[in-house]
C-alpha cells in the first residue's frame, strides 16, 4: 500500500491528537454518558473491572488523571467535613469546569463512589451550590483509603445558604460521574 505525503501527515496529526487527548497519568475520574469531548472508547470487560462491577455501560467517556484535573482552574474551599468537624482546606476544579472539559450535554449527573454509593441530581443544582471536585485536602492529594481519589465538596463555610447542608452530597472516593 502506498501513502501520499498528505495522507501520512493527516494520519500523524490524528494519532498525535488522540494521544494528547488521553488522560495524563493514572486515571482518577471518568465522566461517562452524554460527553462530546471523549478521550476513550467503550467499557472493556477485560480491563475495566470496577466499571463492570458497578454496571457502567458507555460507548465513549472522558478520563482525567490528577494532572488533567489540576490543569483546570482550581478552587480552594475552607470548610468542615464531616459536618461539625474541624475546618479543612479542600482544593480542585469546579464540577462545572470538569463537565465543560468533558463536553457534557446532559441535565442530570450521577456521582458514583468506588463502593457503589451514588448521588443523582440536576447538574445545574450542583453547580449552583459551588460543587468542587476536590483532589487535595490541606494541600495533600487524596489517597484511595482517605476519601480519594476525588471528593465532591461545597463551600459550606462561606455560604449562608449551605451552612445547614448535610454530608449526604459530599460523595467521597469518586471515580465516575455519569451525565444524562
N, C-alpha and C. Protein backbone atom coordinates (compact mmCIF):
# COMPACT_ATOMS: atom_id res chain seq x y z
N UNK A 1 0.84 -1.17 0.00
CA UNK A 1 0.00 0.00 0.00
C UNK A 1 0.89 1.24 0.00
N UNK A 2 0.58 2.20 -0.83
CA UNK A 2 1.35 3.43 -0.93
C UNK A 2 0.55 4.56 -0.32
N UNK A 3 1.22 5.37 0.52
CA UNK A 3 0.58 6.52 1.16
C UNK A 3 1.16 7.80 0.58
N UNK A 4 0.31 8.73 0.33
CA UNK A 4 0.77 10.04 -0.14
C UNK A 4 1.31 10.82 1.06
N UNK A 5 2.19 11.82 0.82
CA UNK A 5 2.68 12.64 1.94
C UNK A 5 1.53 13.30 2.71
N UNK A 6 0.49 13.70 1.99
CA UNK A 6 -0.65 14.34 2.66
C UNK A 6 -1.36 13.34 3.58
N UNK A 7 -1.60 12.10 3.11
CA UNK A 7 -2.30 11.12 3.96
C UNK A 7 -1.45 10.76 5.18
N UNK A 8 -0.12 10.71 5.02
CA UNK A 8 0.74 10.45 6.17
C UNK A 8 0.69 11.60 7.17
N UNK A 9 0.66 12.83 6.68
CA UNK A 9 0.57 13.99 7.55
C UNK A 9 -0.75 13.97 8.32
N UNK A 10 -1.84 13.68 7.63
CA UNK A 10 -3.15 13.61 8.28
C UNK A 10 -3.16 12.49 9.32
N UNK A 11 -2.60 11.33 8.98
CA UNK A 11 -2.56 10.21 9.92
C UNK A 11 -1.74 10.58 11.16
N UNK A 12 -0.59 11.22 10.97
CA UNK A 12 0.23 11.64 12.11
C UNK A 12 -0.50 12.65 12.98
N UNK A 13 -1.21 13.57 12.36
CA UNK A 13 -1.99 14.56 13.12
C UNK A 13 -3.06 13.87 13.94
N UNK A 14 -3.79 12.94 13.33
CA UNK A 14 -4.87 12.25 14.04
C UNK A 14 -4.33 11.41 15.18
N UNK A 15 -3.22 10.71 14.96
CA UNK A 15 -2.62 9.91 16.02
C UNK A 15 -2.12 10.81 17.13
N UNK A 16 -1.46 11.91 16.78
CA UNK A 16 -0.98 12.86 17.79
C UNK A 16 -2.12 13.46 18.58
N UNK A 17 -3.24 13.78 17.93
CA UNK A 17 -4.39 14.34 18.62
C UNK A 17 -4.98 13.33 19.59
N UNK A 18 -5.06 12.09 19.17
CA UNK A 18 -5.63 11.05 20.04
C UNK A 18 -4.76 10.83 21.26
N UNK A 19 -3.43 10.81 21.07
CA UNK A 19 -2.53 10.58 22.18
C UNK A 19 -2.56 11.76 23.14
N UNK A 20 -2.58 12.99 22.63
CA UNK A 20 -2.57 14.14 23.52
C UNK A 20 -3.87 14.28 24.29
N UNK A 21 -4.94 13.68 23.80
CA UNK A 21 -6.22 13.77 24.49
C UNK A 21 -6.35 12.73 25.60
N UNK A 22 -5.43 11.76 25.64
CA UNK A 22 -5.51 10.73 26.67
C UNK A 22 -5.24 11.35 28.04
N UNK A 23 -5.77 10.72 29.08
CA UNK A 23 -5.53 11.19 30.44
C UNK A 23 -4.05 11.16 30.74
N UNK A 24 -3.60 12.16 31.49
CA UNK A 24 -2.19 12.23 31.87
C UNK A 24 -2.03 11.53 33.22
N UNK A 25 -1.30 10.44 33.22
CA UNK A 25 -1.09 9.67 34.43
C UNK A 25 -2.23 8.71 34.68
N UNK A 26 -2.22 8.05 35.82
CA UNK A 26 -3.29 7.11 36.15
C UNK A 26 -4.65 7.82 36.18
N UNK A 27 -5.66 7.16 35.69
CA UNK A 27 -7.00 7.75 35.64
C UNK A 27 -7.60 7.76 37.04
N UNK A 28 -8.05 8.94 37.47
CA UNK A 28 -8.71 9.09 38.77
C UNK A 28 -10.22 9.21 38.61
N UNK A 29 -10.66 9.81 37.51
CA UNK A 29 -12.07 10.12 37.34
C UNK A 29 -12.46 9.89 35.89
N UNK A 30 -13.61 9.25 35.68
CA UNK A 30 -14.13 9.01 34.34
C UNK A 30 -15.52 9.63 34.26
N UNK A 31 -15.72 10.49 33.26
CA UNK A 31 -17.02 11.10 33.02
C UNK A 31 -17.64 10.35 31.85
N UNK A 32 -18.82 9.77 32.09
CA UNK A 32 -19.49 8.94 31.11
C UNK A 32 -20.84 9.54 30.73
N UNK A 33 -21.50 8.92 29.77
CA UNK A 33 -22.83 9.38 29.37
C UNK A 33 -22.75 10.33 28.20
N UNK A 34 -23.45 11.43 28.31
CA UNK A 34 -23.53 12.40 27.22
C UNK A 34 -22.34 13.35 27.25
N UNK A 35 -21.21 12.87 26.72
CA UNK A 35 -19.99 13.67 26.62
C UNK A 35 -19.63 13.84 25.15
N UNK A 36 -19.21 15.05 24.79
CA UNK A 36 -18.85 15.33 23.40
C UNK A 36 -17.35 15.55 23.21
N UNK A 37 -16.58 15.42 24.30
CA UNK A 37 -15.12 15.55 24.21
C UNK A 37 -14.47 14.30 24.83
N UNK A 38 -14.78 13.12 24.28
CA UNK A 38 -14.25 11.89 24.87
C UNK A 38 -12.77 11.71 24.57
N UNK A 39 -12.10 10.91 25.39
CA UNK A 39 -10.73 10.51 25.11
C UNK A 39 -10.54 9.01 25.31
N UNK A 40 -11.65 8.30 25.41
CA UNK A 40 -11.59 6.84 25.46
C UNK A 40 -12.86 6.26 24.86
N UNK A 41 -12.78 4.98 24.54
CA UNK A 41 -13.90 4.27 23.95
C UNK A 41 -14.75 3.56 24.99
N UNK A 42 -15.45 2.52 24.56
CA UNK A 42 -16.41 1.84 25.43
C UNK A 42 -15.77 1.03 26.55
N UNK A 43 -16.61 0.62 27.48
CA UNK A 43 -16.17 -0.25 28.57
C UNK A 43 -15.57 -1.52 27.99
N UNK A 44 -14.42 -1.90 28.50
CA UNK A 44 -13.77 -3.14 28.09
C UNK A 44 -13.88 -4.12 29.25
N UNK A 45 -14.69 -5.16 29.10
CA UNK A 45 -14.91 -6.10 30.21
C UNK A 45 -13.64 -6.77 30.72
N UNK A 46 -12.61 -6.85 29.89
CA UNK A 46 -11.37 -7.49 30.31
C UNK A 46 -10.52 -6.59 31.21
N UNK A 47 -10.64 -5.27 31.07
CA UNK A 47 -9.77 -4.35 31.79
C UNK A 47 -10.50 -3.41 32.74
N UNK A 48 -11.74 -3.11 32.49
CA UNK A 48 -12.49 -2.13 33.28
C UNK A 48 -13.32 -2.82 34.37
N UNK A 49 -12.65 -3.54 35.23
CA UNK A 49 -13.33 -4.39 36.22
C UNK A 49 -14.22 -3.59 37.17
N UNK A 50 -13.78 -2.43 37.65
CA UNK A 50 -14.60 -1.63 38.55
C UNK A 50 -15.84 -1.09 37.83
N UNK A 51 -15.65 -0.64 36.61
CA UNK A 51 -16.80 -0.16 35.83
C UNK A 51 -17.80 -1.28 35.59
N UNK A 52 -17.31 -2.45 35.24
CA UNK A 52 -18.20 -3.60 35.00
C UNK A 52 -18.89 -4.00 36.30
N UNK A 53 -18.14 -4.03 37.40
CA UNK A 53 -18.71 -4.40 38.70
C UNK A 53 -19.87 -3.46 39.07
N UNK A 54 -19.72 -2.17 38.76
CA UNK A 54 -20.77 -1.19 39.06
C UNK A 54 -21.75 -1.01 37.91
N UNK A 55 -21.74 -1.94 36.95
CA UNK A 55 -22.70 -1.98 35.85
C UNK A 55 -22.68 -0.71 34.98
N UNK A 56 -21.51 -0.13 34.81
CA UNK A 56 -21.36 1.05 33.94
C UNK A 56 -21.34 0.60 32.49
N UNK A 57 -22.11 1.28 31.68
CA UNK A 57 -22.15 0.98 30.24
C UNK A 57 -22.05 2.31 29.49
N UNK A 58 -21.10 2.39 28.59
CA UNK A 58 -20.95 3.59 27.76
C UNK A 58 -20.15 3.26 26.52
N UNK A 59 -20.31 4.07 25.51
CA UNK A 59 -19.57 3.91 24.26
C UNK A 59 -18.36 4.82 24.19
N UNK A 60 -18.41 5.91 24.95
CA UNK A 60 -17.27 6.84 24.99
C UNK A 60 -17.32 7.57 26.32
N UNK A 61 -16.16 8.06 26.74
CA UNK A 61 -16.06 8.72 28.04
C UNK A 61 -14.87 9.67 28.03
N UNK A 62 -14.80 10.49 29.05
CA UNK A 62 -13.66 11.39 29.24
C UNK A 62 -12.96 10.97 30.53
N UNK A 63 -11.69 10.63 30.42
CA UNK A 63 -10.89 10.24 31.58
C UNK A 63 -10.01 11.40 32.01
N UNK A 64 -9.81 11.51 33.32
CA UNK A 64 -8.95 12.55 33.90
C UNK A 64 -7.96 11.92 34.86
N UNK A 65 -6.69 12.24 34.68
CA UNK A 65 -5.68 11.92 35.67
C UNK A 65 -5.54 13.12 36.60
N UNK A 66 -4.71 13.02 37.62
CA UNK A 66 -4.52 14.12 38.56
C UNK A 66 -4.03 15.37 37.83
N UNK A 67 -3.06 15.22 36.93
CA UNK A 67 -2.54 16.38 36.19
C UNK A 67 -3.63 17.05 35.35
N UNK A 68 -4.53 16.24 34.77
CA UNK A 68 -5.63 16.79 33.97
C UNK A 68 -6.56 17.62 34.85
N UNK A 69 -6.92 17.07 36.00
CA UNK A 69 -7.82 17.80 36.91
C UNK A 69 -7.15 19.06 37.43
N UNK A 70 -5.84 18.97 37.70
CA UNK A 70 -5.14 20.14 38.22
C UNK A 70 -4.79 21.16 37.14
N UNK A 71 -4.96 20.80 35.87
CA UNK A 71 -4.74 21.78 34.79
C UNK A 71 -5.95 22.69 34.62
N UNK A 72 -7.08 22.30 35.19
CA UNK A 72 -8.28 23.14 35.16
C UNK A 72 -8.14 24.21 36.24
N UNK A 73 -8.88 25.34 36.11
CA UNK A 73 -8.82 26.35 37.18
C UNK A 73 -9.15 25.72 38.54
N UNK A 74 -8.36 26.06 39.54
CA UNK A 74 -8.50 25.46 40.87
C UNK A 74 -9.26 26.38 41.82
N UNK A 75 -10.04 25.73 42.69
CA UNK A 75 -10.77 26.42 43.74
C UNK A 75 -10.31 25.88 45.08
N UNK A 76 -10.25 26.73 46.07
CA UNK A 76 -9.98 26.28 47.43
C UNK A 76 -11.22 26.55 48.27
N UNK A 77 -11.58 25.56 49.08
CA UNK A 77 -12.75 25.65 49.93
C UNK A 77 -12.32 25.30 51.35
N UNK A 78 -12.48 26.27 52.26
CA UNK A 78 -12.19 26.00 53.68
C UNK A 78 -13.52 25.73 54.35
N UNK A 79 -13.68 24.50 54.81
CA UNK A 79 -14.97 24.10 55.37
C UNK A 79 -14.81 22.91 56.29
N UNK A 80 -15.89 22.61 56.98
CA UNK A 80 -15.89 21.45 57.85
C UNK A 80 -16.36 20.21 57.08
N UNK A 81 -15.67 19.14 57.26
CA UNK A 81 -16.11 17.83 56.78
C UNK A 81 -15.38 16.80 57.62
N UNK A 82 -16.15 15.93 58.26
CA UNK A 82 -17.60 15.87 58.31
C UNK A 82 -18.20 17.09 59.00
N UNK A 83 -19.50 17.26 58.78
CA UNK A 83 -20.20 18.43 59.32
C UNK A 83 -19.97 18.53 60.82
N UNK A 84 -19.59 19.74 61.24
CA UNK A 84 -19.32 19.98 62.65
C UNK A 84 -17.90 19.65 63.07
N UNK A 85 -17.12 19.06 62.15
CA UNK A 85 -15.73 18.74 62.46
C UNK A 85 -14.83 19.95 62.25
N UNK A 86 -13.54 19.76 62.39
CA UNK A 86 -12.62 20.88 62.18
C UNK A 86 -12.62 21.33 60.71
N UNK A 87 -12.32 22.60 60.51
CA UNK A 87 -12.24 23.12 59.14
C UNK A 87 -10.98 22.60 58.46
N UNK A 88 -11.14 22.31 57.20
CA UNK A 88 -10.07 21.78 56.36
C UNK A 88 -10.11 22.53 55.04
N UNK A 89 -8.97 22.63 54.38
CA UNK A 89 -8.92 23.27 53.06
C UNK A 89 -8.89 22.18 52.00
N UNK A 90 -9.93 22.17 51.16
CA UNK A 90 -10.02 21.26 50.02
C UNK A 90 -9.73 22.06 48.77
N UNK A 91 -9.12 21.44 47.78
CA UNK A 91 -8.88 22.14 46.52
C UNK A 91 -9.07 21.20 45.34
N UNK A 92 -9.48 21.81 44.23
CA UNK A 92 -9.71 21.08 42.99
C UNK A 92 -10.53 21.94 42.06
N UNK A 93 -10.85 21.43 40.89
CA UNK A 93 -11.64 22.21 39.94
C UNK A 93 -13.13 22.20 40.31
N UNK A 94 -13.84 23.21 39.84
CA UNK A 94 -15.28 23.22 39.98
C UNK A 94 -15.87 22.07 39.17
N UNK A 95 -16.94 21.48 39.67
CA UNK A 95 -17.63 20.42 38.92
C UNK A 95 -18.02 20.93 37.54
N UNK A 96 -18.49 22.17 37.45
CA UNK A 96 -18.88 22.74 36.15
C UNK A 96 -17.73 22.74 35.16
N UNK A 97 -16.51 23.01 35.63
CA UNK A 97 -15.35 23.01 34.73
C UNK A 97 -15.00 21.59 34.27
N UNK A 98 -15.16 20.60 35.15
CA UNK A 98 -14.91 19.20 34.76
C UNK A 98 -15.94 18.79 33.71
N UNK A 99 -17.20 19.16 33.93
CA UNK A 99 -18.24 18.82 32.96
C UNK A 99 -17.99 19.53 31.63
N UNK A 100 -17.58 20.79 31.68
CA UNK A 100 -17.27 21.52 30.44
C UNK A 100 -16.12 20.87 29.69
N UNK A 101 -15.06 20.47 30.41
CA UNK A 101 -13.91 19.82 29.77
C UNK A 101 -14.30 18.49 29.14
N UNK A 102 -15.36 17.89 29.65
CA UNK A 102 -15.86 16.62 29.11
C UNK A 102 -16.81 16.83 27.94
N UNK A 103 -17.22 18.08 27.73
CA UNK A 103 -18.24 18.34 26.72
C UNK A 103 -19.58 17.76 27.14
N UNK A 104 -19.84 17.75 28.45
CA UNK A 104 -21.09 17.18 28.97
C UNK A 104 -22.29 17.96 28.47
N UNK A 105 -23.31 17.24 28.02
CA UNK A 105 -24.50 17.86 27.47
C UNK A 105 -25.79 17.40 28.14
N UNK A 106 -25.71 16.69 29.25
CA UNK A 106 -26.90 16.20 29.93
C UNK A 106 -27.37 17.15 31.01
N UNK A 107 -28.52 16.87 31.54
CA UNK A 107 -29.11 17.70 32.59
C UNK A 107 -28.90 17.13 33.99
N UNK A 108 -28.71 15.82 34.08
CA UNK A 108 -28.58 15.15 35.37
C UNK A 108 -27.22 14.49 35.47
N UNK A 109 -26.63 14.57 36.65
CA UNK A 109 -25.36 13.86 36.89
C UNK A 109 -25.55 12.87 38.02
N UNK A 110 -24.91 11.74 37.87
CA UNK A 110 -24.83 10.75 38.94
C UNK A 110 -23.37 10.67 39.33
N UNK A 111 -23.09 10.99 40.58
CA UNK A 111 -21.72 10.95 41.10
C UNK A 111 -21.58 9.64 41.85
N UNK A 112 -20.63 8.82 41.42
CA UNK A 112 -20.51 7.47 41.97
C UNK A 112 -19.18 7.23 42.65
N UNK A 113 -19.26 6.67 43.84
CA UNK A 113 -18.08 6.31 44.62
C UNK A 113 -17.64 4.88 44.30
N UNK A 114 -16.42 4.57 44.66
CA UNK A 114 -15.86 3.25 44.42
C UNK A 114 -16.72 2.15 45.04
N UNK A 115 -17.30 2.41 46.21
CA UNK A 115 -18.10 1.38 46.88
C UNK A 115 -19.52 1.27 46.33
N UNK A 116 -19.85 2.05 45.30
CA UNK A 116 -21.17 1.99 44.68
C UNK A 116 -22.13 3.07 45.14
N UNK A 117 -21.82 3.76 46.25
CA UNK A 117 -22.68 4.85 46.71
C UNK A 117 -22.78 5.88 45.59
N UNK A 118 -23.98 6.37 45.35
CA UNK A 118 -24.16 7.34 44.26
C UNK A 118 -25.21 8.38 44.63
N UNK A 119 -25.03 9.57 44.12
CA UNK A 119 -25.98 10.66 44.28
C UNK A 119 -26.33 11.14 42.89
N UNK A 120 -27.63 11.25 42.61
CA UNK A 120 -28.11 11.76 41.32
C UNK A 120 -28.83 13.08 41.55
N UNK A 121 -28.43 14.11 40.79
CA UNK A 121 -29.02 15.44 40.94
C UNK A 121 -28.93 16.18 39.61
N UNK A 122 -29.75 17.22 39.47
CA UNK A 122 -29.57 18.08 38.30
C UNK A 122 -28.20 18.75 38.36
N UNK A 123 -27.51 18.75 37.24
CA UNK A 123 -26.19 19.37 37.17
C UNK A 123 -26.26 20.84 37.58
N UNK A 124 -27.30 21.54 37.15
CA UNK A 124 -27.41 22.96 37.47
C UNK A 124 -27.48 23.20 38.98
N UNK A 125 -28.12 22.29 39.71
CA UNK A 125 -28.22 22.45 41.16
C UNK A 125 -26.87 22.28 41.84
N UNK A 126 -26.12 21.25 41.43
CA UNK A 126 -24.78 21.04 42.00
C UNK A 126 -23.85 22.20 41.67
N UNK A 127 -23.93 22.68 40.44
CA UNK A 127 -23.09 23.82 40.03
C UNK A 127 -23.46 25.06 40.81
N UNK A 128 -24.76 25.31 40.99
CA UNK A 128 -25.22 26.48 41.75
C UNK A 128 -24.76 26.43 43.21
N UNK A 129 -24.63 25.24 43.75
CA UNK A 129 -24.16 25.07 45.13
C UNK A 129 -22.63 25.19 45.23
N UNK A 130 -21.95 25.38 44.09
CA UNK A 130 -20.50 25.55 44.09
C UNK A 130 -19.71 24.27 44.26
N UNK A 131 -20.25 23.14 43.77
CA UNK A 131 -19.58 21.84 43.92
C UNK A 131 -18.16 21.87 43.34
N UNK A 132 -17.23 21.37 44.12
CA UNK A 132 -15.82 21.27 43.72
C UNK A 132 -15.45 19.78 43.70
N UNK A 133 -14.74 19.38 42.65
CA UNK A 133 -14.19 18.03 42.58
C UNK A 133 -12.81 18.10 43.23
N UNK A 134 -12.78 17.90 44.53
CA UNK A 134 -11.54 18.05 45.29
C UNK A 134 -10.57 16.91 44.99
N UNK A 135 -9.32 17.29 44.78
CA UNK A 135 -8.25 16.33 44.57
C UNK A 135 -7.24 16.36 45.72
N UNK A 136 -7.37 17.40 46.57
CA UNK A 136 -6.42 17.58 47.68
C UNK A 136 -7.15 18.01 48.94
N UNK A 137 -6.59 17.62 50.06
CA UNK A 137 -7.07 18.05 51.37
C UNK A 137 -5.85 18.58 52.12
N UNK A 138 -5.93 19.84 52.55
CA UNK A 138 -4.80 20.52 53.20
C UNK A 138 -3.52 20.39 52.37
N UNK A 139 -3.67 20.50 51.05
CA UNK A 139 -2.53 20.50 50.14
C UNK A 139 -2.02 19.14 49.71
N UNK A 140 -2.50 18.09 50.33
CA UNK A 140 -2.03 16.74 50.02
C UNK A 140 -3.04 16.01 49.13
N UNK A 141 -2.58 15.31 48.08
CA UNK A 141 -3.51 14.53 47.26
C UNK A 141 -4.20 13.46 48.12
N UNK A 142 -5.46 13.20 47.80
CA UNK A 142 -6.19 12.14 48.49
C UNK A 142 -5.60 10.80 48.13
N UNK A 143 -5.60 9.89 49.07
CA UNK A 143 -5.30 8.50 48.80
C UNK A 143 -6.61 7.74 48.70
N UNK A 144 -6.58 6.56 48.13
CA UNK A 144 -7.78 5.75 47.99
C UNK A 144 -8.39 5.46 49.37
N UNK A 145 -7.59 5.23 50.37
CA UNK A 145 -8.09 4.93 51.71
C UNK A 145 -8.56 6.11 52.51
N UNK A 146 -8.29 7.34 52.05
CA UNK A 146 -8.73 8.50 52.82
C UNK A 146 -9.50 9.49 51.94
N UNK A 147 -10.67 9.06 51.51
CA UNK A 147 -11.64 9.87 50.77
C UNK A 147 -11.32 10.02 49.29
N UNK A 148 -10.21 9.49 48.79
CA UNK A 148 -9.85 9.68 47.40
C UNK A 148 -10.27 8.53 46.51
N UNK A 149 -10.11 8.69 45.23
CA UNK A 149 -9.20 9.62 44.57
C UNK A 149 -9.74 11.05 44.44
N UNK A 150 -11.05 11.24 44.45
CA UNK A 150 -11.62 12.59 44.41
C UNK A 150 -12.83 12.63 45.33
N UNK A 151 -13.23 13.84 45.71
CA UNK A 151 -14.39 14.01 46.60
C UNK A 151 -15.14 15.27 46.18
N UNK A 152 -16.45 15.21 46.22
CA UNK A 152 -17.26 16.41 45.98
C UNK A 152 -17.37 17.16 47.31
N UNK A 153 -17.00 18.43 47.29
CA UNK A 153 -17.12 19.29 48.47
C UNK A 153 -17.83 20.58 48.06
N UNK A 154 -18.34 21.29 49.05
CA UNK A 154 -19.09 22.51 48.82
C UNK A 154 -18.57 23.61 49.73
N UNK A 155 -18.71 24.88 49.33
CA UNK A 155 -18.24 25.99 50.17
C UNK A 155 -19.20 26.28 51.32
N UNK A 156 -19.49 25.26 52.11
CA UNK A 156 -20.44 25.38 53.22
C UNK A 156 -20.00 26.44 54.23
N UNK A 157 -18.70 26.58 54.41
CA UNK A 157 -18.18 27.55 55.38
C UNK A 157 -18.30 28.99 54.91
N UNK A 158 -18.46 29.21 53.61
CA UNK A 158 -18.51 30.56 53.05
C UNK A 158 -19.90 31.02 52.63
N UNK A 159 -20.86 30.12 52.60
CA UNK A 159 -22.18 30.48 52.08
C UNK A 159 -23.28 30.17 53.10
N UNK A 160 -24.02 31.20 53.47
CA UNK A 160 -25.09 31.05 54.46
C UNK A 160 -26.14 30.05 53.99
N UNK A 161 -26.41 30.00 52.67
CA UNK A 161 -27.43 29.08 52.15
C UNK A 161 -27.00 27.61 52.23
N UNK A 162 -25.73 27.35 52.52
CA UNK A 162 -25.24 25.98 52.60
C UNK A 162 -24.85 25.57 54.03
N UNK A 163 -24.97 26.48 54.99
CA UNK A 163 -24.45 26.20 56.34
C UNK A 163 -25.11 25.00 57.01
N UNK A 164 -26.37 24.71 56.67
CA UNK A 164 -27.06 23.56 57.26
C UNK A 164 -27.02 22.32 56.36
N UNK A 165 -26.27 22.38 55.27
CA UNK A 165 -26.20 21.26 54.33
C UNK A 165 -25.63 20.01 55.01
N UNK A 166 -26.35 18.90 54.91
CA UNK A 166 -25.81 17.65 55.47
C UNK A 166 -24.71 17.09 54.56
N UNK A 167 -24.02 16.08 55.04
CA UNK A 167 -22.91 15.49 54.29
C UNK A 167 -23.34 14.52 53.20
N UNK A 168 -24.64 14.29 53.01
CA UNK A 168 -25.13 13.31 52.04
C UNK A 168 -24.61 13.54 50.62
N UNK A 169 -24.44 14.79 50.22
CA UNK A 169 -24.00 15.12 48.86
C UNK A 169 -22.47 15.14 48.74
N UNK A 170 -21.78 15.06 49.84
CA UNK A 170 -20.32 15.13 49.84
C UNK A 170 -19.74 13.76 49.53
N UNK A 171 -19.96 13.31 48.31
CA UNK A 171 -19.55 11.96 47.92
C UNK A 171 -18.02 11.90 47.90
N UNK A 172 -17.47 10.88 48.55
CA UNK A 172 -16.03 10.69 48.56
C UNK A 172 -15.69 9.37 47.89
N UNK A 173 -14.44 9.22 47.55
CA UNK A 173 -13.93 8.11 46.75
C UNK A 173 -14.63 8.05 45.40
N UNK A 174 -14.82 9.22 44.80
CA UNK A 174 -15.47 9.29 43.48
C UNK A 174 -14.51 8.80 42.42
N UNK A 175 -15.03 7.98 41.53
CA UNK A 175 -14.24 7.54 40.39
C UNK A 175 -15.00 7.76 39.09
N UNK A 176 -16.33 8.04 39.18
CA UNK A 176 -17.12 8.20 37.95
C UNK A 176 -18.23 9.21 38.15
N UNK A 177 -18.45 10.00 37.10
CA UNK A 177 -19.60 10.90 37.03
C UNK A 177 -20.30 10.57 35.73
N UNK A 178 -21.58 10.23 35.83
CA UNK A 178 -22.36 9.89 34.66
C UNK A 178 -23.32 11.04 34.35
N UNK A 179 -23.36 11.45 33.10
CA UNK A 179 -24.16 12.60 32.67
C UNK A 179 -25.28 12.12 31.75
N UNK A 180 -26.51 12.48 32.07
CA UNK A 180 -27.67 12.09 31.24
C UNK A 180 -28.57 13.27 30.99
